[in-house]
Amino acid sequence: HDLRSPLLSVANAVAIVLDLMPGTRVDDSVVVECMRAMATCSQLMQHIVSDMLDFERIDSGRLVLVPAAMRVSQLLVAAADTFGGLATAKGVTLCLVPLPPDLDRAVFIGDVRRLQQ
């Protein structure tokens, strides 16, 4: 389940890029958006596979969380990139709405990788 969403997002982004008209520039906004989504999803899949390989640590309670400063907006963009392909495949449109200014500027501490999963 954790791998399906980012993998489907990568597959959909590749399909979109492949369906573009010949001669579409690499800096076209659709291409840039697809590449950003593929990069985010690829990193997430690498982390998930790494966690699966480290299942012994998880099972024994030795999983190490990596707290870091983060903004909610960054987490939401990453989530939209990750689940956008799955949503599209199911006919759902994900929309990111602007956060209230105080929340958008706020910095939180958390394990971004775990939250993305």
C-alpha atoms as a PDB file:
ATOM      1  CA  HIS A   1       0.000   0.000   0.000  1.00  0.00           C
ATOM      2  CA  ASP A   2       2.755   2.482   0.931  1.00  0.00           C
ATOM      3  CA  LEU A   3       4.607   1.780  -2.320  1.00  0.00           C
ATOM      4  CA  ARG A   4       1.566   1.726  -4.592  1.00  0.00           C
ATOM      5  CA  SER A   5       0.677   5.415  -4.260  1.00  0.00           C
ATOM      6  CA  PRO A   6       4.095   6.875  -5.118  1.00  0.00           C
ATOM      7  CA  LEU A   7       4.659   4.231  -7.795  1.00  0.00           C
ATOM      8  CA  LEU A   8       1.322   5.044  -9.428  1.00  0.00           C
ATOM      9  CA  SER A   9       2.154   8.757  -9.256  1.00  0.00           C
ATOM     10  CA  VAL A  10       5.452   8.127 -11.060  1.00  0.00           C
ATOM     11  CA  ALA A  11       3.703   6.004 -13.691  1.00  0.00           C
ATOM     12  CA  ASN A  12       1.060   8.687 -14.285  1.00  0.00           C
ATOM     13  CA  ALA A  13       3.669  11.455 -14.499  1.00  0.00           C
ATOM     14  CA  VAL A  14       5.622   9.421 -17.057  1.00  0.00           C
ATOM     15  CA  ALA A  15       2.438   8.822 -19.059  1.00  0.00           C
ATOM     16  CA  ILE A  16       1.656  12.540 -19.072  1.00  0.00           C
ATOM     17  CA  VAL A  17       5.153  13.424 -20.268  1.00  0.00           C
ATOM     18  CA  LEU A  18       5.055  10.717 -22.942  1.00  0.00           C
ATOM     19  CA  ASP A  19       1.677  11.990 -24.198  1.00  0.00           C
ATOM     20  CA  LEU A  20       2.954  15.539 -24.701  1.00  0.00           C
ATOM     21  CA  MET A  21       3.306  16.822 -28.217  1.00  0.00           C
ATOM     22  CA  PRO A  22       6.696  16.263 -29.830  1.00  0.00           C
ATOM     23  CA  GLY A  23       8.817  19.345 -29.421  1.00  0.00           C
ATOM     24  CA  THR A  24       7.457  20.214 -25.969  1.00  0.00           C
ATOM     25  CA  ARG A  25      10.203  22.026 -24.107  1.00  0.00           C
ATOM     26  CA  VAL A  26      11.701  20.487 -20.994  1.00  0.00           C
ATOM     27  CA  ASP A  27      10.975  23.718 -19.119  1.00  0.00           C
ATOM     28  CA  ASP A  28       7.241  23.480 -19.956  1.00  0.00           C
ATOM     29  CA  SER A  29       5.250  23.766 -16.706  1.00  0.00           C
ATOM     30  CA  VAL A  30       3.597  20.346 -17.181  1.00  0.00           C
ATOM     31  CA  VAL A  31       6.981  18.671 -17.668  1.00  0.00           C
ATOM     32  CA  VAL A  32       8.459  20.456 -14.653  1.00  0.00           C
ATOM     33  CA  GLU A  33       5.485  19.470 -12.477  1.00  0.00           C
ATOM     34  CA  CYS A  34       5.730  15.829 -13.594  1.00  0.00           C
ATOM     35  CA  MET A  35       9.468  15.701 -12.982  1.00  0.00           C
ATOM     36  CA  ARG A  36       9.039  17.209  -9.521  1.00  0.00           C
ATOM     37  CA  ALA A  37       6.374  14.613  -8.691  1.00  0.00           C
ATOM     38  CA  MET A  38       8.576  11.778  -9.966  1.00  0.00           C
ATOM     39  CA  ALA A  39      11.530  12.996  -7.912  1.00  0.00           C
ATOM     40  CA  THR A  40       9.438  13.265  -4.742  1.00  0.00           C
ATOM     41  CA  CYS A  41       7.827   9.858  -5.253  1.00  0.00           C
ATOM     42  CA  SER A  42      11.123   8.185  -6.125  1.00  0.00           C
ATOM     43  CA  GLN A  43      12.691   9.469  -2.916  1.00  0.00           C
ATOM     44  CA  LEU A  44       9.688   8.322  -0.906  1.00  0.00           C
ATOM     45  CA  MET A  45       9.854   4.839  -2.457  1.00  0.00           C
ATOM     46  CA  GLN A  46      13.571   4.624  -1.689  1.00  0.00           C
ATOM     47  CA  HIS A  47      12.855   5.487   1.938  1.00  0.00           C
ATOM     48  CA  ILE A  48      10.023   2.955   2.170  1.00  0.00           C
ATOM     49  CA  VAL A  49      12.162   0.178   0.701  1.00  0.00           C
ATOM     50  CA  SER A  50      14.944   1.131   3.088  1.00  0.00           C
ATOM     51  CA  ASP A  51      12.510   0.911   5.989  1.00  0.00           C
ATOM     52  CA  MET A  52      11.299  -2.480   4.797  1.00  0.00           C
ATOM     53  CA  LEU A  53      14.868  -3.718   4.684  1.00  0.00           C
ATOM     54  CA  ASP A  54      15.362  -2.403   8.203  1.00  0.00           C
ATOM     55  CA  PHE A  55      12.251  -4.184   9.492  1.00  0.00           C
ATOM     56  CA  GLU A  56      14.352  -5.755  12.240  1.00  0.00           C
ATOM     57  CA  ARG A  57      14.912  -2.303  13.711  1.00  0.00           C
ATOM     58  CA  ILE A  58      11.224  -1.455  13.543  1.00  0.00           C
ATOM     59  CA  ASP A  59      10.218  -4.789  15.061  1.00  0.00           C
ATOM     60  CA  SER A  60      12.732  -4.514  17.903  1.00  0.00           C
ATOM     61  CA  GLY A  61      11.777  -0.934  18.736  1.00  0.00           C
ATOM     62  CA  ARG A  62      15.102   0.489  17.580  1.00  0.00           C
ATOM     63  CA  LEU A  63      13.646   2.653  14.820  1.00  0.00           C
ATOM     64  CA  VAL A  64      15.254   6.070  14.984  1.00  0.00           C
ATOM     65  CA  LEU A  65      13.082   9.080  14.252  1.00  0.00           C
ATOM     66  CA  VAL A  66      14.813  12.022  12.623  1.00  0.00           C
ATOM     67  CA  PRO A  67      13.187  15.211  13.869  1.00  0.00           C
ATOM     68  CA  ALA A  68      13.755  18.238  11.674  1.00  0.00           C
ATOM     69  CA  ALA A  69      12.262  21.658  11.125  1.00  0.00           C
ATOM     70  CA  MET A  70       9.510  21.667   8.520  1.00  0.00           C
ATOM     71  CA  ARG A  71       6.676  23.785   7.245  1.00  0.00           C
ATOM     72  CA  VAL A  72       3.191  22.373   6.825  1.00  0.00           C
ATOM     73  CA  SER A  73       3.038  23.703   3.248  1.00  0.00           C
ATOM     74  CA  GLN A  74       6.100  21.635   2.270  1.00  0.00           C
ATOM     75  CA  LEU A  75       4.518  18.509   3.722  1.00  0.00           C
ATOM     76  CA  LEU A  76       1.241  19.177   1.899  1.00  0.00           C
ATOM     77  CA  VAL A  77       2.989  19.718  -1.458  1.00  0.00           C
ATOM     78  CA  ALA A  78       4.913  16.458  -0.996  1.00  0.00           C
ATOM     79  CA  ALA A  79       1.679  14.637  -0.111  1.00  0.00           C
ATOM     80  CA  ALA A  80      -0.054  16.051  -3.186  1.00  0.00           C
ATOM     81  CA  ASP A  81       2.885  14.952  -5.349  1.00  0.00           C
ATOM     82  CA  THR A  82       2.799  11.480  -3.822  1.00  0.00           C
ATOM     83  CA  PHE A  83      -0.942  10.884  -3.981  1.00  0.00           C
ATOM     84  CA  GLY A  84      -1.721  12.913  -7.100  1.00  0.00           C
ATOM     85  CA  GLY A  85      -1.255   9.934  -9.404  1.00  0.00           C
ATOM     86  CA  LEU A  86      -3.514   7.708  -7.327  1.00  0.00           C
ATOM     87  CA  ALA A  87      -6.141  10.445  -7.139  1.00  0.00           C
ATOM     88  CA  THR A  88      -5.999  11.016 -10.901  1.00  0.00           C
ATOM     89  CA  ALA A  89      -6.342   7.304 -11.560  1.00  0.00           C
ATOM     90  CA  LYS A  90      -9.494   7.272  -9.414  1.00  0.00           C
ATOM     91  CA  GLY A  91     -10.911  10.396 -11.058  1.00  0.00           C
ATOM     92  CA  VAL A  92     -10.280  12.626  -8.050  1.00  0.00           C
ATOM     93  CA  THR A  93      -8.697  16.073  -8.261  1.00  0.00           C
ATOM     94  CA  LEU A  94      -6.459  17.095  -5.373  1.00  0.00           C
ATOM     95  CA  CYS A  95      -6.423  20.816  -4.659  1.00  0.00           C
ATOM     96  CA  LEU A  96      -3.982  22.612  -2.406  1.00  0.00           C
ATOM     97  CA  VAL A  97      -5.535  25.692  -0.871  1.00  0.00           C
ATOM     98  CA  PRO A  98      -3.457  28.493   0.628  1.00  0.00           C
ATOM     99  CA  LEU A  99      -2.852  28.095   4.332  1.00  0.00           C
ATOM    100  CA  PRO A 100      -3.626  30.890   6.779  1.00  0.00           C
ATOM    101  CA  PRO A 101      -0.530  33.116   6.938  1.00  0.00           C
ATOM    102  CA  ASP A 102       0.311  32.224  10.548  1.00  0.00           C
ATOM    103  CA  LEU A 103       0.214  28.508   9.776  1.00  0.00           C
ATOM    104  CA  ASP A 104       2.130  28.947   6.521  1.00  0.00           C
ATOM    105  CA  ARG A 105       4.978  30.728   8.329  1.00  0.00           C
ATOM    106  CA  ALA A 106       5.034  28.384  11.330  1.00  0.00           C
ATOM    107  CA  VAL A 107       7.889  25.915  11.633  1.00  0.00           C
ATOM    108  CA  PHE A 108       7.217  22.540  13.222  1.00  0.00           C
ATOM    109  CA  ILE A 109       9.523  19.775  14.338  1.00  0.00           C
ATOM    110  CA  GLY A 110       8.816  16.248  13.106  1.00  0.00           C
ATOM    111  CA  ASP A 111      10.121  13.314  11.124  1.00  0.00           C
ATOM    112  CA  VAL A 112       9.174  14.422   7.615  1.00  0.00           C
ATOM    113  CA  ARG A 113       9.880  11.019   6.081  1.00  0.00           C
ATOM    114  CA  ARG A 114       7.572   9.227   8.504  1.00  0.00           C
ATOM    115  CA  LEU A 115       4.845  11.822   8.038  1.00  0.00           C
ATOM    116  CA  GLN A 116       5.026  11.435   4.264  1.00  0.00           C
ATOM    117  CA  GLN A 117       4.514   7.710   4.612  1.00  0.00           C
END
